[in-house]
Amino acid sequence: MKKFVKAAVTVALVSGVAFLSGCAGQVYNKSENCSYNYLLHPAISVSRVVGGCGPVGDLSRQQ
């Protein structure tokens, strides 16, 4: 039973890391002199919410 629990925890951790790393990225502002990183989605990034880089350009042009 302990092996099953360890295997389940390992699978959950590996899946979580793979999910989060696949959703991370970087977005530049309109003049491309400032950028910020996001973890899940650019619209819910803390930098976006506080307006750290000003108006953001087209979100479909992510890097």
PDB file of N, CA and C in Angstrom:
ATOM      1  N   MET A   1       0.820  -1.204   0.000  1.00  0.00           N
ATOM      2  CA  MET A   1       0.000   0.000   0.000  1.00  0.00           C
ATOM      3  C   MET A   1       0.864   1.269   0.000  1.00  0.00           C
ATOM      4  N   LYS A   2       1.994   1.205   0.713  1.00  0.00           N
ATOM      5  CA  LYS A   2       2.870   2.376   0.763  1.00  0.00           C
ATOM      6  C   LYS A   2       3.461   2.685  -0.605  1.00  0.00           C
ATOM      7  N   LYS A   3       3.747   1.646  -1.393  1.00  0.00           N
ATOM      8  CA  LYS A   3       4.289   1.867  -2.730  1.00  0.00           C
ATOM      9  C   LYS A   3       3.270   2.577  -3.614  1.00  0.00           C
ATOM     10  N   PHE A   4       2.008   2.232  -3.461  1.00  0.00           N
ATOM     11  CA  PHE A   4       0.946   2.872  -4.237  1.00  0.00           C
ATOM     12  C   PHE A   4       0.830   4.350  -3.881  1.00  0.00           C
ATOM     13  N   VAL A   5       0.909   4.673  -2.622  1.00  0.00           N
ATOM     14  CA  VAL A   5       0.816   6.070  -2.177  1.00  0.00           C
ATOM     15  C   VAL A   5       2.020   6.861  -2.698  1.00  0.00           C
ATOM     16  N   LYS A   6       3.207   6.282  -2.593  1.00  0.00           N
ATOM     17  CA  LYS A   6       4.402   6.963  -3.094  1.00  0.00           C
ATOM     18  C   LYS A   6       4.323   7.175  -4.599  1.00  0.00           C
ATOM     19  N   ALA A   7       3.839   6.174  -5.313  1.00  0.00           N
ATOM     20  CA  ALA A   7       3.700   6.294  -6.764  1.00  0.00           C
ATOM     21  C   ALA A   7       2.673   7.361  -7.118  1.00  0.00           C
ATOM     22  N   ALA A   8       1.562   7.415  -6.401  1.00  0.00           N
ATOM     23  CA  ALA A   8       0.523   8.413  -6.660  1.00  0.00           C
ATOM     24  C   ALA A   8       1.042   9.826  -6.390  1.00  0.00           C
ATOM     25  N   VAL A   9       1.779   9.997  -5.318  1.00  0.00           N
ATOM     26  CA  VAL A   9       2.344  11.313  -4.992  1.00  0.00           C
ATOM     27  C   VAL A   9       3.358  11.726  -6.056  1.00  0.00           C
ATOM     28  N   THR A  10       4.185  10.791  -6.484  1.00  0.00           N
ATOM     29  CA  THR A  10       5.180  11.088  -7.515  1.00  0.00           C
ATOM     30  C   THR A  10       4.514  11.492  -8.823  1.00  0.00           C
ATOM     31  N   VAL A  11       3.488  10.763  -9.225  1.00  0.00           N
ATOM     32  CA  VAL A  11       2.765  11.093 -10.451  1.00  0.00           C
ATOM     33  C   VAL A  11       2.106  12.459 -10.330  1.00  0.00           C
ATOM     34  N   ALA A  12       1.526  12.764  -9.177  1.00  0.00           N
ATOM     35  CA  ALA A  12       0.883  14.062  -8.975  1.00  0.00           C
ATOM     36  C   ALA A  12       1.901  15.195  -9.045  1.00  0.00           C
ATOM     37  N   LEU A  13       3.058  15.030  -8.444  1.00  0.00           N
ATOM     38  CA  LEU A  13       4.084  16.069  -8.475  1.00  0.00           C
ATOM     39  C   LEU A  13       4.626  16.284  -9.881  1.00  0.00           C
ATOM     40  N   VAL A  14       4.916  15.206 -10.579  1.00  0.00           N
ATOM     41  CA  VAL A  14       5.436  15.324 -11.944  1.00  0.00           C
ATOM     42  C   VAL A  14       4.392  15.962 -12.861  1.00  0.00           C
ATOM     43  N   SER A  15       3.145  15.579 -12.706  1.00  0.00           N
ATOM     44  CA  SER A  15       2.074  16.168 -13.515  1.00  0.00           C
ATOM     45  C   SER A  15       1.895  17.651 -13.212  1.00  0.00           C
ATOM     46  N   GLY A  16       1.968  18.019 -11.953  1.00  0.00           N
ATOM     47  CA  GLY A  16       1.825  19.419 -11.572  1.00  0.00           C
ATOM     48  C   GLY A  16       2.943  20.283 -12.128  1.00  0.00           C
ATOM     49  N   VAL A  17       4.170  19.807 -12.041  1.00  0.00           N
ATOM     50  CA  VAL A  17       5.310  20.563 -12.577  1.00  0.00           C
ATOM     51  C   VAL A  17       5.197  20.685 -14.094  1.00  0.00           C
ATOM     52  N   ALA A  18       4.822  19.609 -14.754  1.00  0.00           N
ATOM     53  CA  ALA A  18       4.682  19.653 -16.216  1.00  0.00           C
ATOM     54  C   ALA A  18       3.576  20.615 -16.624  1.00  0.00           C
ATOM     55  N   PHE A  19       2.477  20.626 -15.891  1.00  0.00           N
ATOM     56  CA  PHE A  19       1.365  21.531 -16.197  1.00  0.00           C
ATOM     57  C   PHE A  19       1.778  22.981 -16.017  1.00  0.00           C
ATOM     58  N   LEU A  20       2.411  23.293 -14.907  1.00  0.00           N
ATOM     59  CA  LEU A  20       2.790  24.678 -14.633  1.00  0.00           C
ATOM     60  C   LEU A  20       3.888  25.171 -15.567  1.00  0.00           C
ATOM     61  N   SER A  21       4.825  24.338 -15.902  1.00  0.00           N
ATOM     62  CA  SER A  21       5.888  24.794 -16.798  1.00  0.00           C
ATOM     63  C   SER A  21       5.379  24.962 -18.224  1.00  0.00           C
ATOM     64  N   GLY A  22       4.359  24.239 -18.601  1.00  0.00           N
ATOM     65  CA  GLY A  22       3.780  24.372 -19.932  1.00  0.00           C
ATOM     66  C   GLY A  22       2.930  25.615 -20.077  1.00  0.00           C
ATOM     67  N   CYS A  23       2.508  26.186 -18.971  1.00  0.00           N
ATOM     68  CA  CYS A  23       1.637  27.357 -19.008  1.00  0.00           C
ATOM     69  C   CYS A  23       2.377  28.657 -18.742  1.00  0.00           C
ATOM     70  N   ALA A  24       3.635  28.605 -18.464  1.00  0.00           N
ATOM     71  CA  ALA A  24       4.399  29.808 -18.159  1.00  0.00           C
ATOM     72  C   ALA A  24       4.827  30.494 -19.452  1.00  0.00           C
ATOM     73  N   GLY A  25       5.108  31.785 -19.358  1.00  0.00           N
ATOM     74  CA  GLY A  25       5.547  32.509 -20.535  1.00  0.00           C
ATOM     75  C   GLY A  25       5.948  33.934 -20.203  1.00  0.00           C
ATOM     76  N   GLN A  26       6.137  34.721 -21.239  1.00  0.00           N
ATOM     77  CA  GLN A  26       6.566  36.104 -21.099  1.00  0.00           C
ATOM     78  C   GLN A  26       5.804  36.957 -22.105  1.00  0.00           C
ATOM     79  N   VAL A  27       5.395  38.143 -21.675  1.00  0.00           N
ATOM     80  CA  VAL A  27       4.652  39.067 -22.523  1.00  0.00           C
ATOM     81  C   VAL A  27       5.347  40.424 -22.482  1.00  0.00           C
ATOM     82  N   TYR A  28       5.432  41.095 -23.646  1.00  0.00           N
ATOM     83  CA  TYR A  28       6.035  42.423 -23.747  1.00  0.00           C
ATOM     84  C   TYR A  28       4.941  43.480 -23.846  1.00  0.00           C
ATOM     85  N   ASN A  29       5.271  44.709 -23.416  1.00  0.00           N
ATOM     86  CA  ASN A  29       4.316  45.797 -23.582  1.00  0.00           C
ATOM     87  C   ASN A  29       4.329  46.271 -25.032  1.00  0.00           C
ATOM     88  N   LYS A  30       3.476  47.254 -25.342  1.00  0.00           N
ATOM     89  CA  LYS A  30       3.330  47.693 -26.743  1.00  0.00           C
ATOM     90  C   LYS A  30       4.622  48.231 -27.338  1.00  0.00           C
ATOM     91  N   SER A  31       5.402  48.962 -26.572  1.00  0.00           N
ATOM     92  CA  SER A  31       6.649  49.513 -27.113  1.00  0.00           C
ATOM     93  C   SER A  31       7.822  48.539 -26.976  1.00  0.00           C
ATOM     94  N   GLU A  32       7.574  47.377 -26.437  1.00  0.00           N
ATOM     95  CA  GLU A  32       8.553  46.302 -26.275  1.00  0.00           C
ATOM     96  C   GLU A  32       9.810  46.719 -25.525  1.00  0.00           C
ATOM     97  N   ASN A  33       9.665  47.596 -24.546  1.00  0.00           N
ATOM     98  CA  ASN A  33      10.804  47.959 -23.718  1.00  0.00           C
ATOM     99  C   ASN A  33      10.662  47.416 -22.295  1.00  0.00           C
ATOM    100  N   CYS A  34       9.604  46.662 -22.050  1.00  0.00           N
ATOM    101  CA  CYS A  34       9.353  46.089 -20.739  1.00  0.00           C
ATOM    102  C   CYS A  34       8.605  44.776 -20.942  1.00  0.00           C
ATOM    103  N   SER A  35       8.900  43.816 -20.108  1.00  0.00           N
ATOM    104  CA  SER A  35       8.207  42.533 -20.216  1.00  0.00           C
ATOM    105  C   SER A  35       7.941  41.999 -18.817  1.00  0.00           C
ATOM    106  N   TYR A  36       7.024  41.062 -18.741  1.00  0.00           N
ATOM    107  CA  TYR A  36       6.799  40.383 -17.478  1.00  0.00           C
ATOM    108  C   TYR A  36       6.492  38.917 -17.746  1.00  0.00           C
ATOM    109  N   ASN A  37       6.802  38.114 -16.757  1.00  0.00           N
ATOM    110  CA  ASN A  37       6.561  36.678 -16.830  1.00  0.00           C
ATOM    111  C   ASN A  37       5.241  36.353 -16.143  1.00  0.00           C
ATOM    112  N   TYR A  38       4.607  35.324 -16.619  1.00  0.00           N
ATOM    113  CA  TYR A  38       3.381  34.869 -15.976  1.00  0.00           C
ATOM    114  C   TYR A  38       3.457  33.366 -15.783  1.00  0.00           C
ATOM    115  N   LEU A  39       2.643  32.859 -14.873  1.00  0.00           N
ATOM    116  CA  LEU A  39       2.687  31.442 -14.563  1.00  0.00           C
ATOM    117  C   LEU A  39       1.588  30.668 -15.267  1.00  0.00           C
ATOM    118  N   LEU A  40       0.347  31.085 -15.127  1.00  0.00           N
ATOM    119  CA  LEU A  40      -0.758  30.341 -15.729  1.00  0.00           C
ATOM    120  C   LEU A  40      -1.360  31.041 -16.934  1.00  0.00           C
ATOM    121  N   HIS A  41      -1.634  32.336 -16.812  1.00  0.00           N
ATOM    122  CA  HIS A  41      -2.256  33.085 -17.905  1.00  0.00           C
ATOM    123  C   HIS A  41      -1.864  34.547 -17.763  1.00  0.00           C
ATOM    124  N   PRO A  42      -1.541  35.232 -18.858  1.00  0.00           N
ATOM    125  CA  PRO A  42      -1.087  36.620 -18.745  1.00  0.00           C
ATOM    126  C   PRO A  42      -2.122  37.559 -18.133  1.00  0.00           C
ATOM    127  N   ALA A  43      -3.389  37.288 -18.311  1.00  0.00           N
ATOM    128  CA  ALA A  43      -4.428  38.182 -17.801  1.00  0.00           C
ATOM    129  C   ALA A  43      -4.525  38.157 -16.281  1.00  0.00           C
ATOM    130  N   ILE A  44      -4.052  37.099 -15.636  1.00  0.00           N
ATOM    131  CA  ILE A  44      -4.136  37.029 -14.175  1.00  0.00           C
ATOM    132  C   ILE A  44      -2.772  37.196 -13.513  1.00  0.00           C
ATOM    133  N   SER A  45      -1.797  37.682 -14.253  1.00  0.00           N
ATOM    134  CA  SER A  45      -0.480  37.931 -13.694  1.00  0.00           C
ATOM    135  C   SER A  45      -0.535  39.143 -12.777  1.00  0.00           C
ATOM    136  N   VAL A  46       0.217  39.101 -11.687  1.00  0.00           N
ATOM    137  CA  VAL A  46       0.256  40.220 -10.740  1.00  0.00           C
ATOM    138  C   VAL A  46       0.789  41.469 -11.435  1.00  0.00           C
ATOM    139  N   SER A  47       1.814  41.327 -12.268  1.00  0.00           N
ATOM    140  CA  SER A  47       2.366  42.480 -12.981  1.00  0.00           C
ATOM    141  C   SER A  47       1.335  43.115 -13.894  1.00  0.00           C
ATOM    142  N   ARG A  48       0.522  42.325 -14.512  1.00  0.00           N
ATOM    143  CA  ARG A  48      -0.530  42.850 -15.398  1.00  0.00           C
ATOM    144  C   ARG A  48      -1.586  43.593 -14.584  1.00  0.00           C
ATOM    145  N   VAL A  49      -1.973  43.021 -13.461  1.00  0.00           N
ATOM    146  CA  VAL A  49      -3.013  43.628 -12.630  1.00  0.00           C
ATOM    147  C   VAL A  49      -2.569  44.986 -12.103  1.00  0.00           C
ATOM    148  N   VAL A  50      -1.320  45.116 -11.677  1.00  0.00           N
ATOM    149  CA  VAL A  50      -0.846  46.388 -11.129  1.00  0.00           C
ATOM    150  C   VAL A  50      -0.349  47.337 -12.212  1.00  0.00           C
ATOM    151  N   GLY A  51      -0.298  46.875 -13.460  1.00  0.00           N
ATOM    152  CA  GLY A  51       0.116  47.740 -14.566  1.00  0.00           C
ATOM    153  C   GLY A  51       1.587  48.070 -14.546  1.00  0.00           C
ATOM    154  N   GLY A  52       2.417  47.117 -14.177  1.00  0.00           N
ATOM    155  CA  GLY A  52       3.855  47.341 -14.051  1.00  0.00           C
ATOM    156  C   GLY A  52       4.539  47.770 -15.337  1.00  0.00           C
ATOM    157  N   CYS A  53       4.060  47.325 -16.483  1.00  0.00           N
ATOM    158  CA  CYS A  53       4.680  47.657 -17.769  1.00  0.00           C
ATOM    159  C   CYS A  53       3.780  48.536 -18.628  1.00  0.00           C
ATOM    160  N   GLY A  54       2.727  49.032 -18.092  1.00  0.00           N
ATOM    161  CA  GLY A  54       1.795  49.835 -18.891  1.00  0.00           C
ATOM    162  C   GLY A  54       0.927  48.962 -19.767  1.00  0.00           C
ATOM    163  N   PRO A  55       0.330  49.523 -20.814  1.00  0.00           N
ATOM    164  CA  PRO A  55      -0.542  48.729 -21.688  1.00  0.00           C
ATOM    165  C   PRO A  55       0.244  47.606 -22.371  1.00  0.00           C
ATOM    166  N   VAL A  56      -0.343  46.457 -22.380  1.00  0.00           N
ATOM    167  CA  VAL A  56       0.312  45.294 -22.975  1.00  0.00           C
ATOM    168  C   VAL A  56      -0.119  45.163 -24.417  1.00  0.00           C
ATOM    169  N   GLY A  57       0.808  44.752 -25.275  1.00  0.00           N
ATOM    170  CA  GLY A  57       0.492  44.538 -26.682  1.00  0.00           C
ATOM    171  C   GLY A  57      -0.387  43.321 -26.882  1.00  0.00           C
ATOM    172  N   ASP A  58      -0.419  42.829 -28.068  1.00  0.00           N
ATOM    173  CA  ASP A  58      -1.248  41.682 -28.438  1.00  0.00           C
ATOM    174  C   ASP A  58      -0.817  40.459 -27.642  1.00  0.00           C
ATOM    175  N   LEU A  59      -1.734  39.895 -26.846  1.00  0.00           N
ATOM    176  CA  LEU A  59      -1.405  38.752 -26.024  1.00  0.00           C
ATOM    177  C   LEU A  59      -1.200  37.478 -26.847  1.00  0.00           C
ATOM    178  N   SER A  60      -1.599  37.486 -28.101  1.00  0.00           N
ATOM    179  CA  SER A  60      -1.377  36.294 -28.906  1.00  0.00           C
ATOM    180  C   SER A  60       0.080  36.201 -29.352  1.00  0.00           C
ATOM    181  N   ARG A  61       0.824  37.274 -29.207  1.00  0.00           N
ATOM    182  CA  ARG A  61       2.249  37.268 -29.557  1.00  0.00           C
ATOM    183  C   ARG A  61       3.077  37.052 -28.310  1.00  0.00           C
ATOM    184  N   GLN A  62       2.959  35.900 -27.714  1.00  0.00           N
ATOM    185  CA  GLN A  62       3.664  35.578 -26.493  1.00  0.00           C
ATOM    186  C   GLN A  62       4.957  34.855 -26.828  1.00  0.00           C
ATOM    187  N   GLN A  63       5.929  34.962 -25.946  1.00  0.00           N
ATOM    188  CA  GLN A  63       7.197  34.259 -26.144  1.00  0.00           C
ATOM    189  C   GLN A  63       7.475  33.345 -24.997  1.00  0.00           C
TER     190      GLN A  63
END
